[in-house]
Amino acid sequence: MKQVFSEPWIASDSSTDVMTELQIEINRHHPLFGKAVELVGRSLQADDYLFKVANCSDEYCVVHLTWTGRKVTQLLSFQRQFEHY
């Protein structure tokens, strides 16, 4: 199914840089910690990214990456989790 986004969101294929930064920033308390995810969209206005949880047809999560290159000690990088896109 092709995803349609409203501005400022656009579709986005997996980016090695984004996926690497996600793994660096999330800690064991983050809802996505230890889960396989797929990058599906990004915001053109901020460093917000939409990820789909692998093997879950309807679980999505918007994450704000800080691009600090280190673990985020608080849940600042977690914004919203959705059951449907």
N, C-alpha and C. Protein backbone atom coordinates (compact mmCIF):
# COMPACT_ATOMS: atom_id res chain seq x y z
N MET A 1 0.83 -1.17 0.00
CA MET A 1 0.00 0.00 0.00
C MET A 1 0.88 1.25 0.00
N LYS A 2 0.67 2.12 -0.95
CA LYS A 2 1.43 3.36 -1.02
C LYS A 2 0.91 4.34 0.02
N GLN A 3 1.81 4.91 0.77
CA GLN A 3 1.43 5.84 1.82
C GLN A 3 1.35 7.25 1.26
N VAL A 4 0.34 7.97 1.68
CA VAL A 4 0.15 9.36 1.26
C VAL A 4 0.31 10.22 2.50
N PHE A 5 1.13 11.25 2.40
CA PHE A 5 1.40 12.12 3.54
C PHE A 5 0.92 13.53 3.25
N SER A 6 0.56 14.24 4.31
CA SER A 6 0.21 15.65 4.21
C SER A 6 1.43 16.46 4.63
N GLU A 7 1.62 17.62 4.00
CA GLU A 7 2.76 18.46 4.35
C GLU A 7 2.68 18.86 5.82
N PRO A 8 3.77 18.86 6.52
CA PRO A 8 5.15 18.87 6.04
C PRO A 8 5.78 17.47 5.94
N TRP A 9 4.97 16.43 5.97
CA TRP A 9 5.48 15.06 5.94
C TRP A 9 5.67 14.58 4.51
N ILE A 10 6.72 13.76 4.32
CA ILE A 10 6.97 13.11 3.04
C ILE A 10 7.35 11.65 3.30
N ALA A 11 7.15 10.83 2.28
CA ALA A 11 7.57 9.43 2.38
C ALA A 11 9.09 9.38 2.41
N SER A 12 9.62 8.39 3.08
CA SER A 12 11.07 8.26 3.18
C SER A 12 11.45 6.79 3.23
N ASP A 13 12.39 6.42 2.39
CA ASP A 13 12.93 5.07 2.44
C ASP A 13 13.94 4.99 3.58
N SER A 14 14.25 3.79 3.98
CA SER A 14 15.21 3.62 5.06
C SER A 14 16.53 4.30 4.72
N SER A 15 17.01 5.04 5.67
CA SER A 15 18.29 5.74 5.56
C SER A 15 19.22 5.16 6.60
N THR A 16 20.40 4.79 6.18
CA THR A 16 21.37 4.23 7.12
C THR A 16 21.67 5.23 8.23
N ASP A 17 21.81 6.51 7.89
CA ASP A 17 22.11 7.53 8.89
C ASP A 17 21.00 7.65 9.93
N VAL A 18 19.75 7.66 9.48
CA VAL A 18 18.61 7.79 10.40
C VAL A 18 18.51 6.55 11.29
N MET A 19 18.63 5.38 10.69
CA MET A 19 18.51 4.14 11.46
C MET A 19 19.65 4.02 12.48
N THR A 20 20.85 4.43 12.10
CA THR A 20 21.98 4.39 13.02
C THR A 20 21.76 5.35 14.18
N GLU A 21 21.31 6.57 13.88
CA GLU A 21 21.07 7.55 14.93
C GLU A 21 19.96 7.10 15.87
N LEU A 22 18.92 6.48 15.33
CA LEU A 22 17.85 5.96 16.17
C LEU A 22 18.41 4.95 17.17
N GLN A 23 19.22 4.02 16.71
CA GLN A 23 19.79 3.00 17.59
C GLN A 23 20.73 3.61 18.62
N ILE A 24 21.44 4.68 18.26
CA ILE A 24 22.32 5.36 19.21
C ILE A 24 21.50 6.05 20.29
N GLU A 25 20.43 6.73 19.90
CA GLU A 25 19.69 7.58 20.84
C GLU A 25 18.75 6.84 21.78
N ILE A 26 18.13 5.77 21.34
CA ILE A 26 17.14 5.14 22.22
C ILE A 26 17.82 4.33 23.32
N ASN A 27 17.21 4.38 24.50
CA ASN A 27 17.74 3.60 25.61
C ASN A 27 16.75 2.50 25.97
N ARG A 28 17.07 1.71 26.96
CA ARG A 28 16.24 0.54 27.29
C ARG A 28 14.84 0.90 27.77
N HIS A 29 14.59 2.16 28.09
CA HIS A 29 13.28 2.60 28.53
C HIS A 29 12.41 3.13 27.38
N HIS A 30 13.00 3.25 26.23
CA HIS A 30 12.29 3.78 25.06
C HIS A 30 11.34 2.71 24.51
N PRO A 31 10.13 3.08 24.10
CA PRO A 31 9.17 2.10 23.58
C PRO A 31 9.66 1.32 22.36
N LEU A 32 10.61 1.86 21.62
CA LEU A 32 11.12 1.15 20.44
C LEU A 32 12.37 0.33 20.73
N PHE A 33 12.87 0.39 21.94
CA PHE A 33 14.10 -0.34 22.27
C PHE A 33 13.92 -1.83 22.01
N GLY A 34 14.83 -2.40 21.25
CA GLY A 34 14.80 -3.83 20.96
C GLY A 34 13.83 -4.25 19.88
N LYS A 35 13.10 -3.29 19.29
CA LYS A 35 12.14 -3.61 18.24
C LYS A 35 12.74 -3.30 16.87
N ALA A 36 12.41 -4.14 15.92
CA ALA A 36 12.81 -3.88 14.53
C ALA A 36 11.81 -2.88 13.95
N VAL A 37 12.31 -1.83 13.32
CA VAL A 37 11.45 -0.80 12.75
C VAL A 37 11.88 -0.49 11.32
N GLU A 38 10.95 0.11 10.60
CA GLU A 38 11.19 0.53 9.22
C GLU A 38 10.85 2.02 9.13
N LEU A 39 11.74 2.79 8.56
CA LEU A 39 11.49 4.21 8.35
C LEU A 39 10.52 4.37 7.19
N VAL A 40 9.42 5.09 7.42
CA VAL A 40 8.42 5.26 6.35
C VAL A 40 8.17 6.72 5.99
N GLY A 41 8.52 7.65 6.88
CA GLY A 41 8.27 9.05 6.57
C GLY A 41 9.10 9.98 7.42
N ARG A 42 9.15 11.25 6.97
CA ARG A 42 9.86 12.25 7.76
C ARG A 42 9.23 13.62 7.56
N SER A 43 9.43 14.47 8.53
CA SER A 43 8.90 15.82 8.46
C SER A 43 9.95 16.74 7.84
N LEU A 44 9.49 17.65 7.00
CA LEU A 44 10.41 18.62 6.40
C LEU A 44 10.64 19.81 7.33
N GLN A 45 9.89 19.92 8.42
CA GLN A 45 10.02 21.04 9.33
C GLN A 45 10.87 20.75 10.56
N ALA A 46 11.08 19.51 10.87
CA ALA A 46 11.82 19.16 12.09
C ALA A 46 12.49 17.81 11.88
N ASP A 47 13.25 17.39 12.87
CA ASP A 47 13.90 16.09 12.80
C ASP A 47 12.98 15.00 13.34
N ASP A 48 11.73 15.01 12.85
CA ASP A 48 10.73 14.02 13.24
C ASP A 48 10.64 12.95 12.16
N TYR A 49 10.61 11.70 12.59
CA TYR A 49 10.59 10.57 11.67
C TYR A 49 9.47 9.63 12.06
N LEU A 50 8.81 9.05 11.07
CA LEU A 50 7.75 8.08 11.29
C LEU A 50 8.30 6.69 11.02
N PHE A 51 8.22 5.84 12.02
CA PHE A 51 8.69 4.47 11.91
C PHE A 51 7.51 3.52 12.05
N LYS A 52 7.57 2.44 11.29
CA LYS A 52 6.60 1.36 11.40
C LYS A 52 7.30 0.21 12.12
N VAL A 53 6.63 -0.33 13.13
CA VAL A 53 7.19 -1.47 13.85
C VAL A 53 7.05 -2.70 12.98
N ALA A 54 8.17 -3.39 12.75
CA ALA A 54 8.17 -4.58 11.91
C ALA A 54 7.27 -5.65 12.51
N ASN A 55 6.65 -6.42 11.65
CA ASN A 55 5.76 -7.52 12.04
C ASN A 55 4.51 -7.06 12.78
N CYS A 56 4.20 -5.77 12.72
CA CYS A 56 2.97 -5.22 13.29
C CYS A 56 2.33 -4.39 12.19
N SER A 57 1.20 -4.82 11.71
CA SER A 57 0.60 -4.15 10.57
C SER A 57 0.08 -2.76 10.89
N ASP A 58 -0.12 -2.45 12.18
CA ASP A 58 -0.74 -1.17 12.50
C ASP A 58 -0.07 -0.42 13.66
N GLU A 59 1.21 -0.64 13.89
CA GLU A 59 1.90 0.07 14.96
C GLU A 59 2.97 0.99 14.37
N TYR A 60 2.80 2.29 14.61
CA TYR A 60 3.70 3.32 14.11
C TYR A 60 4.15 4.20 15.26
N CYS A 61 5.28 4.85 15.09
CA CYS A 61 5.79 5.72 16.13
C CYS A 61 6.51 6.91 15.50
N VAL A 62 6.20 8.11 15.98
CA VAL A 62 6.91 9.30 15.55
C VAL A 62 8.01 9.56 16.57
N VAL A 63 9.23 9.73 16.08
CA VAL A 63 10.38 9.96 16.94
C VAL A 63 11.08 11.24 16.50
N HIS A 64 11.40 12.08 17.47
CA HIS A 64 12.21 13.27 17.20
C HIS A 64 13.65 12.92 17.53
N LEU A 65 14.50 12.85 16.50
CA LEU A 65 15.91 12.56 16.72
C LEU A 65 16.64 13.86 17.07
N THR A 66 17.56 13.77 18.03
CA THR A 66 18.30 14.95 18.45
C THR A 66 19.62 15.13 17.69
N TRP A 67 20.09 14.07 17.05
CA TRP A 67 21.34 14.08 16.29
C TRP A 67 22.53 14.49 17.15
N THR A 68 22.52 14.05 18.42
CA THR A 68 23.64 14.34 19.32
C THR A 68 24.71 13.26 19.24
N GLY A 69 24.34 12.11 18.67
CA GLY A 69 25.30 11.01 18.58
C GLY A 69 25.50 10.28 19.89
N ARG A 70 24.56 10.46 20.83
CA ARG A 70 24.66 9.75 22.12
C ARG A 70 23.26 9.37 22.61
N LYS A 71 23.23 8.46 23.58
CA LYS A 71 21.96 8.02 24.15
C LYS A 71 21.25 9.21 24.77
N VAL A 72 19.93 9.24 24.61
CA VAL A 72 19.12 10.26 25.24
C VAL A 72 18.65 9.68 26.56
N THR A 73 18.96 10.36 27.66
CA THR A 73 18.66 9.80 28.98
C THR A 73 17.19 9.93 29.36
N GLN A 74 16.49 10.85 28.72
CA GLN A 74 15.06 10.99 28.95
C GLN A 74 14.33 10.55 27.70
N LEU A 75 13.02 10.48 27.77
CA LEU A 75 12.25 10.06 26.60
C LEU A 75 11.98 11.23 25.66
N LEU A 76 12.94 12.15 25.55
CA LEU A 76 12.76 13.30 24.68
C LEU A 76 12.60 12.89 23.22
N SER A 77 13.21 11.78 22.84
CA SER A 77 13.16 11.39 21.44
C SER A 77 11.85 10.68 21.09
N PHE A 78 11.04 10.35 22.08
CA PHE A 78 9.77 9.69 21.81
C PHE A 78 8.66 10.72 21.81
N GLN A 79 7.87 10.75 20.75
CA GLN A 79 6.78 11.71 20.71
C GLN A 79 5.43 11.03 20.81
N ARG A 80 5.09 10.25 19.82
CA ARG A 80 3.76 9.65 19.78
C ARG A 80 3.83 8.25 19.22
N GLN A 81 2.94 7.42 19.70
CA GLN A 81 2.82 6.06 19.17
C GLN A 81 1.39 5.90 18.68
N PHE A 82 1.26 5.30 17.50
CA PHE A 82 -0.04 5.16 16.87
C PHE A 82 -0.36 3.70 16.65
N GLU A 83 -1.63 3.37 16.75
CA GLU A 83 -2.06 2.01 16.40
C GLU A 83 -2.44 1.94 14.94
N HIS A 84 -2.66 3.08 14.30
CA HIS A 84 -3.00 3.11 12.88
C HIS A 84 -2.29 4.28 12.23
N TYR A 85 -1.97 4.10 10.97
CA TYR A 85 -1.37 5.19 10.21
C TYR A 85 -2.47 5.90 9.47
